[in-house]
Amino acid sequence: MKGQAVLAGLSGALSIVAGAYGVHGVTGHPAELFGTGSHYQLVHAVAAVAVLQRPLGGFASWCFVVGSLLFALPIYALALGGPHWLGALPPLGAAGMITGWLSVAIGASRTKV
């Protein structure tokens, strides 16, 4: 869990840097890409930390952190003129984030209230 929390914290910090760069460092379509990547990355960094104590939370946390990084980092690179093949990675990241949310739902359904 410690490693997941550390990675989530670093991911959250990176999302703020990317968001600020997107607002102040780039214009046009790349700025929109940075905004989308930053938003998804920050939301899932927070979610990764929040679910660590829940049933299936460790799995969900990994899905959120790895998924958001696979989603956001290629988007940042594409916005900066990176190779087009990086466009294949964000859907994998999105699948990871979706899997994380589904595991939260499954874990919650198994919890006795």
PDB file of N, CA and C in Angstrom:
ATOM      1  N   MET A   1       0.819  -1.208   0.000  1.00  0.00           N
ATOM      2  CA  MET A   1       0.000   0.000   0.000  1.00  0.00           C
ATOM      3  C   MET A   1       0.854   1.260   0.000  1.00  0.00           C
ATOM      4  N   LYS A   2       2.002   1.202   0.668  1.00  0.00           N
ATOM      5  CA  LYS A   2       2.860   2.382   0.720  1.00  0.00           C
ATOM      6  C   LYS A   2       3.296   2.795  -0.683  1.00  0.00           C
ATOM      7  N   GLY A   3       3.702   1.809  -1.484  1.00  0.00           N
ATOM      8  CA  GLY A   3       4.124   2.120  -2.846  1.00  0.00           C
ATOM      9  C   GLY A   3       3.014   2.728  -3.673  1.00  0.00           C
ATOM     10  N   GLN A   4       1.802   2.226  -3.495  1.00  0.00           N
ATOM     11  CA  GLN A   4       0.666   2.767  -4.234  1.00  0.00           C
ATOM     12  C   GLN A   4       0.399   4.213  -3.826  1.00  0.00           C
ATOM     13  N   ALA A   5       0.466   4.485  -2.521  1.00  0.00           N
ATOM     14  CA  ALA A   5       0.218   5.841  -2.039  1.00  0.00           C
ATOM     15  C   ALA A   5       1.302   6.798  -2.532  1.00  0.00           C
ATOM     16  N   VAL A   6       2.556   6.355  -2.539  1.00  0.00           N
ATOM     17  CA  VAL A   6       3.649   7.189  -3.037  1.00  0.00           C
ATOM     18  C   VAL A   6       3.438   7.484  -4.520  1.00  0.00           C
ATOM     19  N   LEU A   7       3.141   6.460  -5.296  1.00  0.00           N
ATOM     20  CA  LEU A   7       2.922   6.654  -6.730  1.00  0.00           C
ATOM     21  C   LEU A   7       1.713   7.547  -6.985  1.00  0.00           C
ATOM     22  N   ALA A   8       0.661   7.380  -6.201  1.00  0.00           N
ATOM     23  CA  ALA A   8      -0.520   8.232  -6.354  1.00  0.00           C
ATOM     24  C   ALA A   8      -0.181   9.681  -6.030  1.00  0.00           C
ATOM     25  N   GLY A   9       0.619   9.890  -4.988  1.00  0.00           N
ATOM     26  CA  GLY A   9       1.022  11.254  -4.648  1.00  0.00           C
ATOM     27  C   GLY A   9       1.849  11.899  -5.743  1.00  0.00           C
ATOM     28  N   LEU A  10       2.790  11.146  -6.290  1.00  0.00           N
ATOM     29  CA  LEU A  10       3.596  11.669  -7.397  1.00  0.00           C
ATOM     30  C   LEU A  10       2.746  11.943  -8.628  1.00  0.00           C
ATOM     31  N   SER A  11       1.780  11.066  -8.879  1.00  0.00           N
ATOM     32  CA  SER A  11       0.882  11.252 -10.010  1.00  0.00           C
ATOM     33  C   SER A  11       0.043  12.515  -9.823  1.00  0.00           C
ATOM     34  N   GLY A  12      -0.443  12.725  -8.608  1.00  0.00           N
ATOM     35  CA  GLY A  12      -1.209  13.937  -8.328  1.00  0.00           C
ATOM     36  C   GLY A  12      -0.380  15.193  -8.532  1.00  0.00           C
ATOM     37  N   ALA A  13       0.870  15.177  -8.066  1.00  0.00           N
ATOM     38  CA  ALA A  13       1.750  16.326  -8.244  1.00  0.00           C
ATOM     39  C   ALA A  13       2.019  16.581  -9.726  1.00  0.00           C
ATOM     40  N   LEU A  14       2.279  15.507 -10.478  1.00  0.00           N
ATOM     41  CA  LEU A  14       2.522  15.643 -11.907  1.00  0.00           C
ATOM     42  C   LEU A  14       1.303  16.226 -12.619  1.00  0.00           C
ATOM     43  N   SER A  15       0.116  15.844 -12.168  1.00  0.00           N
ATOM     44  CA  SER A  15      -1.090  16.355 -12.825  1.00  0.00           C
ATOM     45  C   SER A  15      -1.214  17.865 -12.656  1.00  0.00           C
ATOM     46  N   ILE A  16      -0.788  18.383 -11.506  1.00  0.00           N
ATOM     47  CA  ILE A  16      -0.843  19.831 -11.282  1.00  0.00           C
ATOM     48  C   ILE A  16       0.176  20.538 -12.176  1.00  0.00           C
ATOM     49  N   VAL A  17       1.378  19.976 -12.255  1.00  0.00           N
ATOM     50  CA  VAL A  17       2.408  20.553 -13.121  1.00  0.00           C
ATOM     51  C   VAL A  17       1.935  20.550 -14.576  1.00  0.00           C
ATOM     52  N   ALA A  18       1.377  19.428 -15.013  1.00  0.00           N
ATOM     53  CA  ALA A  18       0.901  19.326 -16.397  1.00  0.00           C
ATOM     54  C   ALA A  18      -0.246  20.291 -16.656  1.00  0.00           C
ATOM     55  N   GLY A  19      -1.152  20.398 -15.699  1.00  0.00           N
ATOM     56  CA  GLY A  19      -2.272  21.328 -15.860  1.00  0.00           C
ATOM     57  C   GLY A  19      -1.801  22.772 -15.959  1.00  0.00           C
ATOM     58  N   ALA A  20      -0.854  23.138 -15.102  1.00  0.00           N
ATOM     59  CA  ALA A  20      -0.318  24.498 -15.148  1.00  0.00           C
ATOM     60  C   ALA A  20       0.424  24.748 -16.460  1.00  0.00           C
ATOM     61  N   TYR A  21       1.191  23.770 -16.892  1.00  0.00           N
ATOM     62  CA  TYR A  21       1.899  23.920 -18.161  1.00  0.00           C
ATOM     63  C   TYR A  21       0.894  24.049 -19.310  1.00  0.00           C
ATOM     64  N   GLY A  22      -0.177  23.278 -19.240  1.00  0.00           N
ATOM     65  CA  GLY A  22      -1.194  23.347 -20.278  1.00  0.00           C
ATOM     66  C   GLY A  22      -1.852  24.714 -20.361  1.00  0.00           C
ATOM     67  N   VAL A  23      -1.997  25.364 -19.223  1.00  0.00           N
ATOM     68  CA  VAL A  23      -2.622  26.683 -19.196  1.00  0.00           C
ATOM     69  C   VAL A  23      -1.640  27.778 -19.599  1.00  0.00           C
ATOM     70  N   HIS A  24      -0.400  27.663 -19.142  1.00  0.00           N
ATOM     71  CA  HIS A  24       0.553  28.754 -19.335  1.00  0.00           C
ATOM     72  C   HIS A  24       1.607  28.500 -20.417  1.00  0.00           C
ATOM     73  N   GLY A  25       1.818  27.235 -20.786  1.00  0.00           N
ATOM     74  CA  GLY A  25       2.924  26.936 -21.675  1.00  0.00           C
ATOM     75  C   GLY A  25       2.558  26.586 -23.101  1.00  0.00           C
ATOM     76  N   VAL A  26       1.319  26.231 -23.328  1.00  0.00           N
ATOM     77  CA  VAL A  26       0.906  25.838 -24.673  1.00  0.00           C
ATOM     78  C   VAL A  26      -0.423  26.496 -25.011  1.00  0.00           C
ATOM     79  N   THR A  27      -0.708  26.583 -26.297  1.00  0.00           N
ATOM     80  CA  THR A  27      -1.974  27.168 -26.739  1.00  0.00           C
ATOM     81  C   THR A  27      -2.633  26.243 -27.746  1.00  0.00           C
ATOM     82  N   GLY A  28      -3.903  26.477 -27.982  1.00  0.00           N
ATOM     83  CA  GLY A  28      -4.645  25.710 -28.975  1.00  0.00           C
ATOM     84  C   GLY A  28      -4.973  24.307 -28.503  1.00  0.00           C
ATOM     85  N   HIS A  29      -5.075  23.396 -29.455  1.00  0.00           N
ATOM     86  CA  HIS A  29      -5.457  22.010 -29.170  1.00  0.00           C
ATOM     87  C   HIS A  29      -4.557  21.322 -28.146  1.00  0.00           C
ATOM     88  N   PRO A  30      -3.227  21.530 -28.183  1.00  0.00           N
ATOM     89  CA  PRO A  30      -2.390  20.891 -27.162  1.00  0.00           C
ATOM     90  C   PRO A  30      -2.783  21.294 -25.733  1.00  0.00           C
ATOM     91  N   ALA A  31      -3.211  22.533 -25.545  1.00  0.00           N
ATOM     92  CA  ALA A  31      -3.639  22.975 -24.214  1.00  0.00           C
ATOM     93  C   ALA A  31      -4.862  22.176 -23.754  1.00  0.00           C
ATOM     94  N   GLU A  32      -5.775  21.893 -24.666  1.00  0.00           N
ATOM     95  CA  GLU A  32      -6.945  21.079 -24.336  1.00  0.00           C
ATOM     96  C   GLU A  32      -6.522  19.672 -23.938  1.00  0.00           C
ATOM     97  N   LEU A  33      -5.553  19.123 -24.652  1.00  0.00           N
ATOM     98  CA  LEU A  33      -5.059  17.785 -24.330  1.00  0.00           C
ATOM     99  C   LEU A  33      -4.446  17.766 -22.936  1.00  0.00           C
ATOM    100  N   PHE A  34      -3.638  18.768 -22.621  1.00  0.00           N
ATOM    101  CA  PHE A  34      -3.047  18.839 -21.291  1.00  0.00           C
ATOM    102  C   PHE A  34      -4.133  18.953 -20.230  1.00  0.00           C
ATOM    103  N   GLY A  35      -5.165  19.735 -20.494  1.00  0.00           N
ATOM    104  CA  GLY A  35      -6.258  19.885 -19.528  1.00  0.00           C
ATOM    105  C   GLY A  35      -6.982  18.577 -19.277  1.00  0.00           C
ATOM    106  N   THR A  36      -7.275  17.836 -20.331  1.00  0.00           N
ATOM    107  CA  THR A  36      -7.956  16.546 -20.186  1.00  0.00           C
ATOM    108  C   THR A  36      -7.079  15.556 -19.430  1.00  0.00           C
ATOM    109  N   GLY A  37      -5.833  15.452 -19.841  1.00  0.00           N
ATOM    110  CA  GLY A  37      -4.917  14.528 -19.170  1.00  0.00           C
ATOM    111  C   GLY A  37      -4.747  14.877 -17.706  1.00  0.00           C
ATOM    112  N   SER A  38      -4.550  16.144 -17.412  1.00  0.00           N
ATOM    113  CA  SER A  38      -4.343  16.596 -16.050  1.00  0.00           C
ATOM    114  C   SER A  38      -5.564  16.326 -15.175  1.00  0.00           C
ATOM    115  N   HIS A  39      -6.734  16.604 -15.708  1.00  0.00           N
ATOM    116  CA  HIS A  39      -7.971  16.384 -14.950  1.00  0.00           C
ATOM    117  C   HIS A  39      -8.138  14.904 -14.583  1.00  0.00           C
ATOM    118  N   TYR A  40      -8.046  14.034 -15.568  1.00  0.00           N
ATOM    119  CA  TYR A  40      -8.215  12.603 -15.311  1.00  0.00           C
ATOM    120  C   TYR A  40      -7.135  12.074 -14.370  1.00  0.00           C
ATOM    121  N   GLN A  41      -5.902  12.547 -14.567  1.00  0.00           N
ATOM    122  CA  GLN A  41      -4.809  12.069 -13.721  1.00  0.00           C
ATOM    123  C   GLN A  41      -5.024  12.491 -12.267  1.00  0.00           C
ATOM    124  N   LEU A  42      -5.420  13.740 -12.030  1.00  0.00           N
ATOM    125  CA  LEU A  42      -5.613  14.205 -10.663  1.00  0.00           C
ATOM    126  C   LEU A  42      -6.771  13.483  -9.982  1.00  0.00           C
ATOM    127  N   VAL A  43      -7.889  13.350 -10.667  1.00  0.00           N
ATOM    128  CA  VAL A  43      -9.042  12.662 -10.083  1.00  0.00           C
ATOM    129  C   VAL A  43      -8.667  11.249  -9.664  1.00  0.00           C
ATOM    130  N   HIS A  44      -7.908  10.563 -10.498  1.00  0.00           N
ATOM    131  CA  HIS A  44      -7.580   9.170 -10.201  1.00  0.00           C
ATOM    132  C   HIS A  44      -6.431   9.030  -9.204  1.00  0.00           C
ATOM    133  N   ALA A  45      -5.588  10.044  -9.076  1.00  0.00           N
ATOM    134  CA  ALA A  45      -4.587  10.029  -8.001  1.00  0.00           C
ATOM    135  C   ALA A  45      -5.289  10.118  -6.646  1.00  0.00           C
ATOM    136  N   VAL A  46      -6.267  10.988  -6.549  1.00  0.00           N
ATOM    137  CA  VAL A  46      -7.040  11.117  -5.310  1.00  0.00           C
ATOM    138  C   VAL A  46      -7.829   9.835  -5.037  1.00  0.00           C
ATOM    139  N   ALA A  47      -8.459   9.305  -6.064  1.00  0.00           N
ATOM    140  CA  ALA A  47      -9.229   8.067  -5.898  1.00  0.00           C
ATOM    141  C   ALA A  47      -8.328   6.922  -5.466  1.00  0.00           C
ATOM    142  N   ALA A  48      -7.116   6.859  -6.002  1.00  0.00           N
ATOM    143  CA  ALA A  48      -6.184   5.780  -5.664  1.00  0.00           C
ATOM    144  C   ALA A  48      -5.872   5.774  -4.176  1.00  0.00           C
ATOM    145  N   VAL A  49      -5.690   6.937  -3.596  1.00  0.00           N
ATOM    146  CA  VAL A  49      -5.420   7.027  -2.166  1.00  0.00           C
ATOM    147  C   VAL A  49      -6.683   6.731  -1.361  1.00  0.00           C
ATOM    148  N   ALA A  50      -7.812   7.232  -1.829  1.00  0.00           N
ATOM    149  CA  ALA A  50      -9.064   7.082  -1.089  1.00  0.00           C
ATOM    150  C   ALA A  50      -9.515   5.635  -0.942  1.00  0.00           C
ATOM    151  N   VAL A  51      -9.235   4.800  -1.915  1.00  0.00           N
ATOM    152  CA  VAL A  51      -9.769   3.437  -1.893  1.00  0.00           C
ATOM    153  C   VAL A  51      -8.835   2.420  -1.250  1.00  0.00           C
ATOM    154  N   LEU A  52      -7.661   2.824  -0.816  1.00  0.00           N
ATOM    155  CA  LEU A  52      -6.693   1.858  -0.300  1.00  0.00           C
ATOM    156  C   LEU A  52      -7.210   1.042   0.880  1.00  0.00           C
ATOM    157  N   GLN A  53      -8.104   1.581   1.676  1.00  0.00           N
ATOM    158  CA  GLN A  53      -8.609   0.882   2.852  1.00  0.00           C
ATOM    159  C   GLN A  53      -9.899   0.108   2.599  1.00  0.00           C
ATOM    160  N   ARG A  54     -10.375   0.105   1.387  1.00  0.00           N
ATOM    161  CA  ARG A  54     -11.634  -0.548   1.034  1.00  0.00           C
ATOM    162  C   ARG A  54     -11.384  -1.964   0.532  1.00  0.00           C
ATOM    163  N   PRO A  55     -12.422  -2.819   0.569  1.00  0.00           N
ATOM    164  CA  PRO A  55     -12.283  -4.133  -0.066  1.00  0.00           C
ATOM    165  C   PRO A  55     -11.930  -3.962  -1.543  1.00  0.00           C
ATOM    166  N   LEU A  56     -10.990  -4.721  -2.002  1.00  0.00           N
ATOM    167  CA  LEU A  56     -10.452  -4.637  -3.364  1.00  0.00           C
ATOM    168  C   LEU A  56      -9.774  -3.296  -3.639  1.00  0.00           C
ATOM    169  N   GLY A  57      -9.553  -2.515  -2.581  1.00  0.00           N
ATOM    170  CA  GLY A  57      -8.983  -1.182  -2.743  1.00  0.00           C
ATOM    171  C   GLY A  57      -7.571  -1.187  -3.282  1.00  0.00           C
ATOM    172  N   GLY A  58      -6.760  -2.165  -2.883  1.00  0.00           N
ATOM    173  CA  GLY A  58      -5.398  -2.229  -3.398  1.00  0.00           C
ATOM    174  C   GLY A  58      -5.389  -2.416  -4.902  1.00  0.00           C
ATOM    175  N   PHE A  59      -6.239  -3.298  -5.377  1.00  0.00           N
ATOM    176  CA  PHE A  59      -6.350  -3.535  -6.813  1.00  0.00           C
ATOM    177  C   PHE A  59      -6.876  -2.285  -7.516  1.00  0.00           C
ATOM    178  N   ALA A  60      -7.931  -1.691  -6.967  1.00  0.00           N
ATOM    179  CA  ALA A  60      -8.508  -0.485  -7.571  1.00  0.00           C
ATOM    180  C   ALA A  60      -7.481   0.637  -7.609  1.00  0.00           C
ATOM    181  N   SER A  61      -6.714   0.775  -6.536  1.00  0.00           N
ATOM    182  CA  SER A  61      -5.708   1.825  -6.467  1.00  0.00           C
ATOM    183  C   SER A  61      -4.678   1.668  -7.578  1.00  0.00           C
ATOM    184  N   TRP A  62      -4.186   0.440  -7.775  1.00  0.00           N
ATOM    185  CA  TRP A  62      -3.238   0.195  -8.865  1.00  0.00           C
ATOM    186  C   TRP A  62      -3.868   0.505 -10.211  1.00  0.00           C
ATOM    187  N   CYS A  63      -5.119   0.107 -10.399  1.00  0.00           N
ATOM    188  CA  CYS A  63      -5.805   0.387 -11.664  1.00  0.00           C
ATOM    189  C   CYS A  63      -5.902   1.887 -11.915  1.00  0.00           C
ATOM    190  N   PHE A  64      -6.224   2.641 -10.857  1.00  0.00           N
ATOM    191  CA  PHE A  64      -6.357   4.097 -11.004  1.00  0.00           C
ATOM    192  C   PHE A  64      -5.013   4.744 -11.348  1.00  0.00           C
ATOM    193  N   VAL A  65      -3.970   4.384 -10.604  1.00  0.00           N
ATOM    194  CA  VAL A  65      -2.674   5.030 -10.821  1.00  0.00           C
ATOM    195  C   VAL A  65      -2.088   4.644 -12.177  1.00  0.00           C
ATOM    196  N   VAL A  66      -2.013   3.354 -12.449  1.00  0.00           N
ATOM    197  CA  VAL A  66      -1.422   2.912 -13.716  1.00  0.00           C
ATOM    198  C   VAL A  66      -2.294   3.356 -14.890  1.00  0.00           C
ATOM    199  N   GLY A  67      -3.608   3.217 -14.745  1.00  0.00           N
ATOM    200  CA  GLY A  67      -4.510   3.641 -15.815  1.00  0.00           C
ATOM    201  C   GLY A  67      -4.390   5.126 -16.114  1.00  0.00           C
ATOM    202  N   SER A  68      -4.342   5.951 -15.060  1.00  0.00           N
ATOM    203  CA  SER A  68      -4.270   7.391 -15.302  1.00  0.00           C
ATOM    204  C   SER A  68      -2.929   7.782 -15.915  1.00  0.00           C
ATOM    205  N   LEU A  69      -1.864   7.080 -15.536  1.00  0.00           N
ATOM    206  CA  LEU A  69      -0.566   7.378 -16.148  1.00  0.00           C
ATOM    207  C   LEU A  69      -0.526   6.937 -17.613  1.00  0.00           C
ATOM    208  N   LEU A  70      -1.101   5.766 -17.903  1.00  0.00           N
ATOM    209  CA  LEU A  70      -1.165   5.316 -19.302  1.00  0.00           C
ATOM    210  C   LEU A  70      -2.068   6.216 -20.139  1.00  0.00           C
ATOM    211  N   PHE A  71      -3.022   6.849 -19.488  1.00  0.00           N
ATOM    212  CA  PHE A  71      -3.932   7.765 -20.175  1.00  0.00           C
ATOM    213  C   PHE A  71      -3.258   9.123 -20.385  1.00  0.00           C
ATOM    214  N   ALA A  72      -2.751   9.703 -19.294  1.00  0.00           N
ATOM    215  CA  ALA A  72      -2.297  11.090 -19.339  1.00  0.00           C
ATOM    216  C   ALA A  72      -0.923  11.283 -19.975  1.00  0.00           C
ATOM    217  N   LEU A  73       0.046  10.448 -19.625  1.00  0.00           N
ATOM    218  CA  LEU A  73       1.405  10.688 -20.125  1.00  0.00           C
ATOM    219  C   LEU A  73       1.495  10.668 -21.649  1.00  0.00           C
ATOM    220  N   PRO A  74       0.849   9.704 -22.329  1.00  0.00           N
ATOM    221  CA  PRO A  74       0.889   9.757 -23.797  1.00  0.00           C
ATOM    222  C   PRO A  74       0.183  10.995 -24.362  1.00  0.00           C
ATOM    223  N   ILE A  75      -0.867  11.435 -23.691  1.00  0.00           N
ATOM    224  CA  ILE A  75      -1.561  12.643 -24.153  1.00  0.00           C
ATOM    225  C   ILE A  75      -0.642  13.848 -24.045  1.00  0.00           C
ATOM    226  N   TYR A  76       0.090  13.949 -22.924  1.00  0.00           N
ATOM    227  CA  TYR A  76       1.036  15.054 -22.788  1.00  0.00           C
ATOM    228  C   TYR A  76       2.078  14.986 -23.904  1.00  0.00           C
ATOM    229  N   ALA A  77       2.609  13.800 -24.140  1.00  0.00           N
ATOM    230  CA  ALA A  77       3.637  13.632 -25.167  1.00  0.00           C
ATOM    231  C   ALA A  77       3.089  13.988 -26.553  1.00  0.00           C
ATOM    232  N   LEU A  78       1.864  13.553 -26.850  1.00  0.00           N
ATOM    233  CA  LEU A  78       1.258  13.879 -28.143  1.00  0.00           C
ATOM    234  C   LEU A  78       1.074  15.385 -28.294  1.00  0.00           C
ATOM    235  N   ALA A  79       0.670  16.041 -27.214  1.00  0.00           N
ATOM    236  CA  ALA A  79       0.476  17.491 -27.263  1.00  0.00           C
ATOM    237  C   ALA A  79       1.781  18.215 -27.537  1.00  0.00           C
ATOM    238  N   LEU A  80       2.897  17.596 -27.163  1.00  0.00           N
ATOM    239  CA  LEU A  80       4.212  18.198 -27.387  1.00  0.00           C
ATOM    240  C   LEU A  80       4.860  17.721 -28.682  1.00  0.00           C
ATOM    241  N   GLY A  81       4.080  16.994 -29.508  1.00  0.00           N
ATOM    242  CA  GLY A  81       4.583  16.556 -30.805  1.00  0.00           C
ATOM    243  C   GLY A  81       5.185  15.165 -30.811  1.00  0.00           C
ATOM    244  N   GLY A  82       4.862  14.362 -29.803  1.00  0.00           N
ATOM    245  CA  GLY A  82       5.371  12.997 -29.732  1.00  0.00           C
ATOM    246  C   GLY A  82       4.849  12.135 -30.869  1.00  0.00           C
ATOM    247  N   PRO A  83       5.394  10.938 -31.003  1.00  0.00           N
ATOM    248  CA  PRO A  83       4.986  10.055 -32.104  1.00  0.00           C
ATOM    249  C   PRO A  83       3.517   9.636 -31.998  1.00  0.00           C
ATOM    250  N   HIS A  84       2.884   9.502 -33.142  1.00  0.00           N
ATOM    251  CA  HIS A  84       1.452   9.189 -33.193  1.00  0.00           C
ATOM    252  C   HIS A  84       1.097   7.844 -32.576  1.00  0.00           C
ATOM    253  N   TRP A  85       2.035   6.888 -32.553  1.00  0.00           N
ATOM    254  CA  TRP A  85       1.732   5.572 -31.992  1.00  0.00           C
ATOM    255  C   TRP A  85       1.372   5.669 -30.504  1.00  0.00           C
ATOM    256  N   LEU A  86       1.759   6.760 -29.855  1.00  0.00           N
ATOM    257  CA  LEU A  86       1.390   6.935 -28.441  1.00  0.00           C
ATOM    258  C   LEU A  86      -0.126   7.043 -28.261  1.00  0.00           C
ATOM    259  N   GLY A  87      -0.826   7.392 -29.339  1.00  0.00           N
ATOM    260  CA  GLY A  87      -2.283   7.485 -29.281  1.00  0.00           C
ATOM    261  C   GLY A  87      -2.959   6.163 -28.978  1.00  0.00           C
ATOM    262  N   ALA A  88      -2.240   5.055 -29.102  1.00  0.00           N
ATOM    263  CA  ALA A  88      -2.807   3.740 -28.782  1.00  0.00           C
ATOM    264  C   ALA A  88      -2.851   3.493 -27.277  1.00  0.00           C
ATOM    265  N   LEU A  89      -2.114   4.244 -26.485  1.00  0.00           N
ATOM    266  CA  LEU A  89      -2.031   3.979 -25.049  1.00  0.00           C
ATOM    267  C   LEU A  89      -3.180   4.548 -24.209  1.00  0.00           C
ATOM    268  N   PRO A  90      -3.700   5.749 -24.498  1.00  0.00           N
ATOM    269  CA  PRO A  90      -4.783   6.263 -23.659  1.00  0.00           C
ATOM    270  C   PRO A  90      -6.009   5.344 -23.535  1.00  0.00           C
ATOM    271  N   PRO A  91      -6.443   4.644 -24.595  1.00  0.00           N
ATOM    272  CA  PRO A  91      -7.566   3.722 -24.391  1.00  0.00           C
ATOM    273  C   PRO A  91      -7.239   2.605 -23.391  1.00  0.00           C
ATOM    274  N   LEU A  92      -5.993   2.150 -23.369  1.00  0.00           N
ATOM    275  CA  LEU A  92      -5.602   1.148 -22.370  1.00  0.00           C
ATOM    276  C   LEU A  92      -5.669   1.742 -20.964  1.00  0.00           C
ATOM    277  N   GLY A  93      -5.224   2.979 -20.848  1.00  0.00           N
ATOM    278  CA  GLY A  93      -5.315   3.661 -19.559  1.00  0.00           C
ATOM    279  C   GLY A  93      -6.754   3.841 -19.116  1.00  0.00           C
ATOM    280  N   ALA A  94      -7.604   4.213 -20.054  1.00  0.00           N
ATOM    281  CA  ALA A  94      -9.030   4.372 -19.734  1.00  0.00           C
ATOM    282  C   ALA A  94      -9.628   3.048 -19.278  1.00  0.00           C
ATOM    283  N   ALA A  95      -9.240   1.962 -19.935  1.00  0.00           N
ATOM    284  CA  ALA A  95      -9.725   0.638 -19.512  1.00  0.00           C
ATOM    285  C   ALA A  95      -9.267   0.327 -18.097  1.00  0.00           C
ATOM    286  N   GLY A  96      -8.046   0.709 -17.761  1.00  0.00           N
ATOM    287  CA  GLY A  96      -7.561   0.507 -16.399  1.00  0.00           C
ATOM    288  C   GLY A  96      -8.356   1.308 -15.385  1.00  0.00           C
ATOM    289  N   MET A  97      -8.655   2.562 -15.704  1.00  0.00           N
ATOM    290  CA  MET A  97      -9.438   3.398 -14.783  1.00  0.00           C
ATOM    291  C   MET A  97     -10.848   2.841 -14.622  1.00  0.00           C
ATOM    292  N   ILE A  98     -11.451   2.407 -15.707  1.00  0.00           N
ATOM    293  CA  ILE A  98     -12.788   1.803 -15.645  1.00  0.00           C
ATOM    294  C   ILE A  98     -12.754   0.547 -14.796  1.00  0.00           C
ATOM    295  N   THR A  99     -11.731  -0.278 -14.976  1.00  0.00           N
ATOM    296  CA  THR A  99     -11.589  -1.496 -14.172  1.00  0.00           C
ATOM    297  C   THR A  99     -11.469  -1.144 -12.693  1.00  0.00           C
ATOM    298  N   GLY A 100     -10.734  -0.097 -12.393  1.00  0.00           N
ATOM    299  CA  GLY A 100     -10.621   0.351 -11.005  1.00  0.00           C
ATOM    300  C   GLY A 100     -11.970   0.726 -10.412  1.00  0.00           C
ATOM    301  N   TRP A 101     -12.750   1.488 -11.156  1.00  0.00           N
ATOM    302  CA  TRP A 101     -14.075   1.883 -10.651  1.00  0.00           C
ATOM    303  C   TRP A 101     -14.993   0.671 -10.495  1.00  0.00           C
ATOM    304  N   LEU A 102     -14.918  -0.270 -11.426  1.00  0.00           N
ATOM    305  CA  LEU A 102     -15.739  -1.477 -11.293  1.00  0.00           C
ATOM    306  C   LEU A 102     -15.317  -2.303 -10.079  1.00  0.00           C
ATOM    307  N   SER A 103     -14.020  -2.348  -9.791  1.00  0.00           N
ATOM    308  CA  SER A 103     -13.582  -3.091  -8.613  1.00  0.00           C
ATOM    309  C   SER A 103     -14.014  -2.392  -7.335  1.00  0.00           C
ATOM    310  N   VAL A 104     -14.098  -1.069  -7.346  1.00  0.00           N
ATOM    311  CA  VAL A 104     -14.652  -0.349  -6.196  1.00  0.00           C
ATOM    312  C   VAL A 104     -16.113  -0.751  -6.003  1.00  0.00           C
ATOM    313  N   ALA A 105     -16.870  -0.802  -7.102  1.00  0.00           N
ATOM    314  CA  ALA A 105     -18.280  -1.183  -7.012  1.00  0.00           C
ATOM    315  C   ALA A 105     -18.428  -2.615  -6.503  1.00  0.00           C
ATOM    316  N   ILE A 106     -17.605  -3.526  -7.004  1.00  0.00           N
ATOM    317  CA  ILE A 106     -17.674  -4.926  -6.546  1.00  0.00           C
ATOM    318  C   ILE A 106     -17.308  -5.009  -5.067  1.00  0.00           C
ATOM    319  N   GLY A 107     -16.245  -4.328  -4.678  1.00  0.00           N
ATOM    320  CA  GLY A 107     -15.850  -4.350  -3.271  1.00  0.00           C
ATOM    321  C   GLY A 107     -16.924  -3.773  -2.368  1.00  0.00           C
ATOM    322  N   ALA A 108     -17.549  -2.680  -2.804  1.00  0.00           N
ATOM    323  CA  ALA A 108     -18.622  -2.086  -2.012  1.00  0.00           C
ATOM    324  C   ALA A 108     -19.824  -3.008  -1.904  1.00  0.00           C
ATOM    325  N   SER A 109     -20.115  -3.746  -2.975  1.00  0.00           N
ATOM    326  CA  SER A 109     -21.273  -4.651  -2.940  1.00  0.00           C
ATOM    327  C   SER A 109     -21.037  -5.816  -1.984  1.00  0.00           C
ATOM    328  N   ARG A 110     -19.785  -6.132  -1.709  1.00  0.00           N
ATOM    329  CA  ARG A 110     -19.456  -7.239  -0.816  1.00  0.00           C
ATOM    330  C   ARG A 110     -19.298  -6.798   0.638  1.00  0.00           C
ATOM    331  N   THR A 111     -19.347  -5.513   0.892  1.00  0.00           N
ATOM    332  CA  THR A 111     -19.159  -4.981   2.233  1.00  0.00           C
ATOM    333  C   THR A 111     -20.483  -5.030   2.991  1.00  0.00           C
ATOM    334  N   LYS A 112     -20.402  -5.530   4.214  1.00  0.00           N
ATOM    335  CA  LYS A 112     -21.597  -5.529   5.072  1.00  0.00           C
ATOM    336  C   LYS A 112     -21.716  -4.165   5.721  1.00  0.00           C
ATOM    337  N   VAL A 113     -22.907  -3.599   5.582  1.00  0.00           N
ATOM    338  CA  VAL A 113     -23.142  -2.260   6.141  1.00  0.00           C
ATOM    339  C   VAL A 113     -23.789  -2.360   7.488  1.00  0.00           C
TER     340      VAL A 113
END
